[in-house]
Amino acid sequence: TLIQIILNDVAEKNVIEERPGVVDIRNKAYDDILKGYSKIHKEDILQFL
């Protein structure tokens, strides 16, 4: 709901203010996930069978 979205946004802003490194940690995690995802989809899955 709209109230949940607003509360999540407020909570996230508070966490970022209290812990400035959170944004960098999250961005690195997203980058790592994307690297793993792209690696899986670039390789030929059939070669492992």
N, C-alpha and C. Protein backbone atom coordinates (compact mmCIF):
# COMPACT_ATOMS: atom_id res chain seq x y z
N THR A 1 0.83 -1.19 0.00
CA THR A 1 0.00 0.00 0.00
C THR A 1 0.87 1.25 0.00
N LEU A 2 0.25 2.37 -0.21
CA LEU A 2 0.97 3.64 -0.26
C LEU A 2 1.62 3.96 1.09
N ILE A 3 0.94 3.63 2.16
CA ILE A 3 1.48 3.90 3.50
C ILE A 3 2.76 3.10 3.73
N GLN A 4 2.77 1.84 3.31
CA GLN A 4 3.96 1.00 3.46
C GLN A 4 5.13 1.55 2.65
N ILE A 5 4.86 2.01 1.45
CA ILE A 5 5.92 2.57 0.60
C ILE A 5 6.52 3.80 1.26
N ILE A 6 5.66 4.66 1.79
CA ILE A 6 6.14 5.88 2.44
C ILE A 6 6.95 5.54 3.69
N LEU A 7 6.45 4.61 4.50
CA LEU A 7 7.17 4.22 5.72
C LEU A 7 8.51 3.57 5.38
N ASN A 8 8.56 2.75 4.35
CA ASN A 8 9.82 2.14 3.93
C ASN A 8 10.81 3.20 3.48
N ASP A 9 10.33 4.19 2.76
CA ASP A 9 11.20 5.27 2.29
C ASP A 9 11.76 6.07 3.46
N VAL A 10 10.91 6.38 4.43
CA VAL A 10 11.36 7.12 5.62
C VAL A 10 12.38 6.30 6.40
N ALA A 11 12.11 5.02 6.59
CA ALA A 11 13.03 4.15 7.33
C ALA A 11 14.36 4.05 6.61
N GLU A 12 14.33 3.92 5.30
CA GLU A 12 15.57 3.81 4.53
C GLU A 12 16.39 5.10 4.63
N LYS A 13 15.74 6.23 4.56
CA LYS A 13 16.46 7.51 4.70
C LYS A 13 17.10 7.63 6.08
N ASN A 14 16.40 7.17 7.11
CA ASN A 14 16.97 7.22 8.46
C ASN A 14 18.19 6.31 8.59
N VAL A 15 18.12 5.13 8.01
CA VAL A 15 19.25 4.20 8.05
C VAL A 15 20.45 4.80 7.32
N ILE A 16 20.21 5.41 6.17
CA ILE A 16 21.30 6.01 5.40
C ILE A 16 21.94 7.16 6.17
N GLU A 17 21.14 7.95 6.86
CA GLU A 17 21.69 9.04 7.67
C GLU A 17 22.52 8.51 8.83
N GLU A 18 22.06 7.45 9.47
CA GLU A 18 22.76 6.90 10.63
C GLU A 18 24.00 6.11 10.22
N ARG A 19 23.94 5.47 9.07
CA ARG A 19 25.04 4.62 8.61
C ARG A 19 25.36 4.95 7.16
N PRO A 20 26.22 5.93 6.94
CA PRO A 20 26.49 6.38 5.57
C PRO A 20 27.06 5.29 4.64
N GLY A 21 27.71 4.27 5.18
CA GLY A 21 28.29 3.23 4.34
C GLY A 21 27.29 2.26 3.76
N VAL A 22 26.04 2.32 4.20
CA VAL A 22 25.02 1.38 3.75
C VAL A 22 24.81 1.47 2.24
N VAL A 23 24.82 2.66 1.70
CA VAL A 23 24.60 2.84 0.26
C VAL A 23 25.71 2.16 -0.53
N ASP A 24 26.96 2.33 -0.10
CA ASP A 24 28.08 1.71 -0.80
C ASP A 24 28.01 0.19 -0.71
N ILE A 25 27.66 -0.33 0.46
CA ILE A 25 27.54 -1.78 0.63
C ILE A 25 26.44 -2.33 -0.26
N ARG A 26 25.31 -1.64 -0.32
CA ARG A 26 24.19 -2.09 -1.15
C ARG A 26 24.57 -2.05 -2.63
N ASN A 27 25.22 -0.98 -3.05
CA ASN A 27 25.62 -0.88 -4.46
C ASN A 27 26.60 -1.97 -4.85
N LYS A 28 27.55 -2.29 -3.96
CA LYS A 28 28.50 -3.36 -4.24
C LYS A 28 27.78 -4.70 -4.33
N ALA A 29 26.82 -4.92 -3.45
CA ALA A 29 26.06 -6.17 -3.48
C ALA A 29 25.28 -6.30 -4.79
N TYR A 30 24.64 -5.21 -5.22
CA TYR A 30 23.91 -5.25 -6.49
C TYR A 30 24.85 -5.53 -7.65
N ASP A 31 26.03 -4.91 -7.64
CA ASP A 31 27.01 -5.16 -8.70
C ASP A 31 27.44 -6.62 -8.72
N ASP A 32 27.69 -7.19 -7.54
CA ASP A 32 28.09 -8.59 -7.46
C ASP A 32 26.99 -9.52 -7.96
N ILE A 33 25.75 -9.21 -7.62
CA ILE A 33 24.62 -10.02 -8.09
C ILE A 33 24.53 -9.97 -9.61
N LEU A 34 24.66 -8.77 -10.17
CA LEU A 34 24.58 -8.63 -11.63
C LEU A 34 25.73 -9.34 -12.34
N LYS A 35 26.92 -9.30 -11.75
CA LYS A 35 28.06 -10.00 -12.35
C LYS A 35 27.81 -11.50 -12.37
N GLY A 36 27.30 -12.03 -11.25
CA GLY A 36 27.00 -13.46 -11.18
C GLY A 36 25.91 -13.85 -12.15
N TYR A 37 24.88 -13.03 -12.25
CA TYR A 37 23.77 -13.30 -13.16
C TYR A 37 24.25 -13.30 -14.61
N SER A 38 25.04 -12.29 -14.97
CA SER A 38 25.49 -12.21 -16.36
C SER A 38 26.46 -13.34 -16.68
N LYS A 39 27.26 -13.77 -15.70
CA LYS A 39 28.19 -14.88 -15.93
C LYS A 39 27.41 -16.16 -16.21
N ILE A 40 26.35 -16.38 -15.43
CA ILE A 40 25.54 -17.58 -15.63
C ILE A 40 24.92 -17.60 -17.02
N HIS A 41 24.43 -16.46 -17.47
CA HIS A 41 23.72 -16.42 -18.74
C HIS A 41 24.64 -16.28 -19.95
N LYS A 42 25.90 -15.96 -19.74
CA LYS A 42 26.84 -15.90 -20.85
C LYS A 42 27.40 -17.28 -21.18
N GLU A 43 27.48 -18.14 -20.15
CA GLU A 43 28.06 -19.46 -20.35
C GLU A 43 27.03 -20.40 -20.98
N ASP A 44 27.52 -21.38 -21.68
CA ASP A 44 26.66 -22.40 -22.27
C ASP A 44 26.35 -23.44 -21.21
N ILE A 45 25.13 -23.46 -20.75
CA ILE A 45 24.73 -24.36 -19.67
C ILE A 45 24.88 -25.82 -20.08
N LEU A 46 24.69 -26.13 -21.35
CA LEU A 46 24.75 -27.52 -21.81
C LEU A 46 26.15 -28.11 -21.70
N GLN A 47 27.18 -27.29 -21.64
CA GLN A 47 28.53 -27.83 -21.56
C GLN A 47 28.79 -28.51 -20.22
N PHE A 48 27.98 -28.23 -19.21
CA PHE A 48 28.18 -28.82 -17.90
C PHE A 48 27.45 -30.15 -17.74
N LEU A 49 26.66 -30.56 -18.73
CA LEU A 49 25.90 -31.82 -18.62
C LEU A 49 26.73 -33.01 -19.00
